[in-house]
PDB file of N, CA and C in Angstrom:
ATOM      1  N   MET A   1     288.554  55.947 247.280  1.00  0.00           N
ATOM      2  CA  MET A   1     288.591  56.863 246.156  1.00  0.00           C
ATOM      3  C   MET A   1     289.975  56.864 245.520  1.00  0.00           C
ATOM      4  N   GLU A   2     290.989  56.845 246.358  1.00  0.00           N
ATOM      5  CA  GLU A   2     292.360  56.829 245.839  1.00  0.00           C
ATOM      6  C   GLU A   2     292.615  55.559 245.031  1.00  0.00           C
ATOM      7  N   TYR A   3     292.018  54.456 245.450  1.00  0.00           N
ATOM      8  CA  TYR A   3     292.177  53.190 244.742  1.00  0.00           C
ATOM      9  C   TYR A   3     291.639  53.309 243.321  1.00  0.00           C
ATOM     10  N   ILE A   4     290.479  53.942 243.161  1.00  0.00           N
ATOM     11  CA  ILE A   4     289.865  54.109 241.838  1.00  0.00           C
ATOM     12  C   ILE A   4     290.763  54.963 240.944  1.00  0.00           C
ATOM     13  N   GLU A   5     291.352  56.014 241.506  1.00  0.00           N
ATOM     14  CA  GLU A   5     292.245  56.865 240.724  1.00  0.00           C
ATOM     15  C   GLU A   5     293.472  56.086 240.252  1.00  0.00           C
ATOM     16  N   LYS A   6     294.012  55.234 241.117  1.00  0.00           N
ATOM     17  CA  LYS A   6     295.165  54.420 240.734  1.00  0.00           C
ATOM     18  C   LYS A   6     294.793  53.446 239.614  1.00  0.00           C
ATOM     19  N   VAL A   7     293.610  52.847 239.724  1.00  0.00           N
ATOM     20  CA  VAL A   7     293.155  51.905 238.702  1.00  0.00           C
ATOM     21  C   VAL A   7     292.962  52.637 237.372  1.00  0.00           C
ATOM     22  N   LEU A   8     292.357  53.813 237.402  1.00  0.00           N
ATOM     23  CA  LEU A   8     292.150  54.584 236.173  1.00  0.00           C
ATOM     24  C   LEU A   8     293.477  54.989 235.541  1.00  0.00           C
ATOM     25  N   GLU A   9     294.441  55.377 236.346  1.00  0.00           N
ATOM     26  CA  GLU A   9     295.757  55.748 235.813  1.00  0.00           C
ATOM     27  C   GLU A   9     296.420  54.540 235.156  1.00  0.00           C
ATOM     28  N   LYS A  10     296.296  53.377 235.786  1.00  0.00           N
ATOM     29  CA  LYS A  10     296.880  52.156 235.218  1.00  0.00           C
ATOM     30  C   LYS A  10     296.191  51.807 233.901  1.00  0.00           C
ATOM     31  N   LEU A  11     294.876  51.973 233.838  1.00  0.00           N
ATOM     32  CA  LEU A  11     294.143  51.706 232.591  1.00  0.00           C
ATOM     33  C   LEU A  11     294.585  52.662 231.481  1.00  0.00           C
ATOM     34  N   ARG A  12     294.787  53.934 231.824  1.00  0.00           N
ATOM     35  CA  ARG A  12     295.272  54.901 230.827  1.00  0.00           C
ATOM     36  C   ARG A  12     296.641  54.494 230.303  1.00  0.00           C
ATOM     37  N   GLU A  13     297.503  54.054 231.222  1.00  0.00           N
ATOM     38  CA  GLU A  13     298.848  53.631 230.840  1.00  0.00           C
ATOM     39  C   GLU A  13     298.792  52.428 229.900  1.00  0.00           C
ATOM     40  N   TRP A  14     297.964  51.443 230.215  1.00  0.00           N
ATOM     41  CA  TRP A  14     297.821  50.267 229.360  1.00  0.00           C
ATOM     42  C   TRP A  14     297.255  50.639 227.996  1.00  0.00           C
ATOM     43  N   ALA A  15     296.273  51.530 227.985  1.00  0.00           N
ATOM     44  CA  ALA A  15     295.687  51.966 226.714  1.00  0.00           C
ATOM     45  C   ALA A  15     296.735  52.663 225.859  1.00  0.00           C
ATOM     46  N   ARG A  16     297.555  53.514 226.468  1.00  0.00           N
ATOM     47  CA  ARG A  16     298.611  54.215 225.738  1.00  0.00           C
ATOM     48  C   ARG A  16     299.602  53.203 225.152  1.00  0.00           C
ATOM     49  N   GLU A  17     299.986  52.202 225.944  1.00  0.00           N
ATOM     50  CA  GLU A  17     300.924  51.181 225.470  1.00  0.00           C
ATOM     51  C   GLU A  17     300.301  50.363 224.339  1.00  0.00           C
ATOM     52  N   LEU A  18     299.017  50.052 224.452  1.00  0.00           N
ATOM     53  CA  LEU A  18     298.335  49.287 223.414  1.00  0.00           C
ATOM     54  C   LEU A  18     298.289  50.074 222.109  1.00  0.00           C
ATOM     55  N   ILE A  19     297.962  51.338 222.197  1.00  0.00           N
ATOM     56  CA  ILE A  19     297.906  52.178 220.997  1.00  0.00           C
ATOM     57  C   ILE A  19     299.294  52.288 220.374  1.00  0.00           C
ATOM     58  N   GLU A  20     300.337  52.451 221.187  1.00  0.00           N
ATOM     59  CA  GLU A  20     301.703  52.506 220.660  1.00  0.00           C
ATOM     60  C   GLU A  20     302.063  51.199 219.973  1.00  0.00           C
ATOM     61  N   ALA A  21     301.655  50.069 220.551  1.00  0.00           N
ATOM     62  CA  ALA A  21     301.979  48.776 219.958  1.00  0.00           C
ATOM     63  C   ALA A  21     301.266  48.601 218.612  1.00  0.00           C
ATOM     64  N   LEU A  22     300.051  49.099 218.504  1.00  0.00           N
ATOM     65  CA  LEU A  22     299.286  48.933 217.271  1.00  0.00           C
ATOM     66  C   LEU A  22     299.658  49.953 216.205  1.00  0.00           C
ATOM     67  N   LEU A  23     299.872  51.190 216.607  1.00  0.00           N
ATOM     68  CA  LEU A  23     300.082  52.266 215.637  1.00  0.00           C
ATOM     69  C   LEU A  23     301.513  52.774 215.604  1.00  0.00           C
ATOM     70  N   GLY A  24     302.345  52.301 216.485  1.00  0.00           N
ATOM     71  CA  GLY A  24     303.716  52.802 216.564  1.00  0.00           C
ATOM     72  C   GLY A  24     303.781  53.934 217.564  1.00  0.00           C
ATOM     73  N   PRO A  25     304.987  54.332 217.932  1.00  0.00           N
ATOM     74  CA  PRO A  25     305.137  55.408 218.919  1.00  0.00           C
ATOM     75  C   PRO A  25     304.657  56.738 218.364  1.00  0.00           C
ATOM     76  N   GLU A  26     304.371  57.661 219.264  1.00  0.00           N
ATOM     77  CA  GLU A  26     303.945  58.989 218.840  1.00  0.00           C
ATOM     78  C   GLU A  26     305.045  59.616 218.002  1.00  0.00           C
ATOM     79  N   PRO A  27     304.671  60.258 216.915  1.00  0.00           N
ATOM     80  CA  PRO A  27     305.707  60.870 216.078  1.00  0.00           C
ATOM     81  C   PRO A  27     306.424  61.990 216.819  1.00  0.00           C
ATOM     82  N   GLN A  28     307.723  61.951 216.755  1.00  0.00           N
ATOM     83  CA  GLN A  28     308.537  62.986 217.388  1.00  0.00           C
ATOM     84  C   GLN A  28     308.803  64.079 216.361  1.00  0.00           C
ATOM     85  N   PRO A  29     308.840  65.308 216.800  1.00  0.00           N
ATOM     86  CA  PRO A  29     309.155  66.363 215.834  1.00  0.00           C
ATOM     87  C   PRO A  29     310.546  66.143 215.252  1.00  0.00           C
ATOM     88  N   GLU A  30     310.662  66.404 213.949  1.00  0.00           N
ATOM     89  CA  GLU A  30     311.935  66.186 213.286  1.00  0.00           C
ATOM     90  C   GLU A  30     312.958  67.192 213.805  1.00  0.00           C
ATOM     91  N   ALA A  31     314.125  66.697 214.113  1.00  0.00           N
ATOM     92  CA  ALA A  31     315.173  67.566 214.644  1.00  0.00           C
ATOM     93  C   ALA A  31     315.653  68.516 213.550  1.00  0.00           C
ATOM     94  N   GLU A  32     315.890  69.757 213.950  1.00  0.00           N
ATOM     95  CA  GLU A  32     316.385  70.725 212.978  1.00  0.00           C
ATOM     96  C   GLU A  32     317.853  70.448 212.715  1.00  0.00           C
ATOM     97  N   PRO A  33     318.263  70.531 211.449  1.00  0.00           N
ATOM     98  CA  PRO A  33     319.676  70.271 211.154  1.00  0.00           C
ATOM     99  C   PRO A  33     320.571  71.345 211.759  1.00  0.00           C
ATOM    100  N   VAL A  34     321.729  70.916 212.192  1.00  0.00           N
ATOM    101  CA  VAL A  34     322.693  71.838 212.793  1.00  0.00           C
ATOM    102  C   VAL A  34     323.506  72.454 211.661  1.00  0.00           C
ATOM    103  N   PRO A  35     323.561  73.782 211.589  1.00  0.00           N
ATOM    104  CA  PRO A  35     324.353  74.388 210.513  1.00  0.00           C
ATOM    105  C   PRO A  35     325.839  74.098 210.705  1.00  0.00           C
ATOM    106  N   VAL A  36     326.470  73.730 209.607  1.00  0.00           N
ATOM    107  CA  VAL A  36     327.895  73.404 209.643  1.00  0.00           C
ATOM    108  C   VAL A  36     328.642  74.556 208.986  1.00  0.00           C
ATOM    109  N   PRO A  37     329.577  75.177 209.706  1.00  0.00           N
ATOM    110  CA  PRO A  37     330.321  76.283 209.093  1.00  0.00           C
ATOM    111  C   PRO A  37     331.208  75.767 207.961  1.00  0.00           C
ATOM    112  N   VAL A  38     331.203  76.501 206.871  1.00  0.00           N
ATOM    113  CA  VAL A  38     332.001  76.124 205.707  1.00  0.00           C
ATOM    114  C   VAL A  38     332.943  77.267 205.407  1.00  0.00           C
ATOM    115  N   ARG A  39     334.215  76.948 205.304  1.00  0.00           N
ATOM    116  CA  ARG A  39     335.196  77.976 204.957  1.00  0.00           C
ATOM    117  C   ARG A  39     335.212  78.101 203.441  1.00  0.00           C
ATOM    118  N   ASP A  40     334.924  79.266 202.974  1.00  0.00           N
ATOM    119  CA  ASP A  40     334.879  79.513 201.549  1.00  0.00           C
ATOM    120  C   ASP A  40     336.122  80.310 201.170  1.00  0.00           C
ATOM    121  N   PHE A  41     337.165  79.595 200.759  1.00  0.00           N
ATOM    122  CA  PHE A  41     338.421  80.251 200.389  1.00  0.00           C
ATOM    123  C   PHE A  41     338.291  80.845 198.979  1.00  0.00           C
ATOM    124  N   PRO A  42     338.789  82.041 198.779  1.00  0.00           N
ATOM    125  CA  PRO A  42     338.760  82.604 197.422  1.00  0.00           C
ATOM    126  C   PRO A  42     339.702  81.809 196.513  1.00  0.00           C
ATOM    127  N   ARG A  43     339.248  81.567 195.335  1.00  0.00           N
ATOM    128  CA  ARG A  43     340.057  80.793 194.372  1.00  0.00           C
ATOM    129  C   ARG A  43     340.955  81.760 193.606  1.00  0.00           C
ATOM    130  N   SER A  44     342.221  81.607 193.793  1.00  0.00           N
ATOM    131  CA  SER A  44     343.155  82.485 193.077  1.00  0.00           C
ATOM    132  C   SER A  44     343.906  81.669 192.033  1.00  0.00           C
ATOM    133  N   ARG A  45     343.931  82.192 190.832  1.00  0.00           N
ATOM    134  CA  ARG A  45     344.615  81.481 189.747  1.00  0.00           C
ATOM    135  C   ARG A  45     345.653  82.337 189.126  1.00  0.00           C
TER     136      ARG A  45
END
């Protein structure tokens, strides 16, 4: 029984790799931009 489970897991892994090869990797969520602090100096004239 354990042998069958190992074979099924290997088949799932191969299927996942095949799908990635055909369609590209799974889309990763876009990283949120990191806010950059900006010093806003008052303009004196």
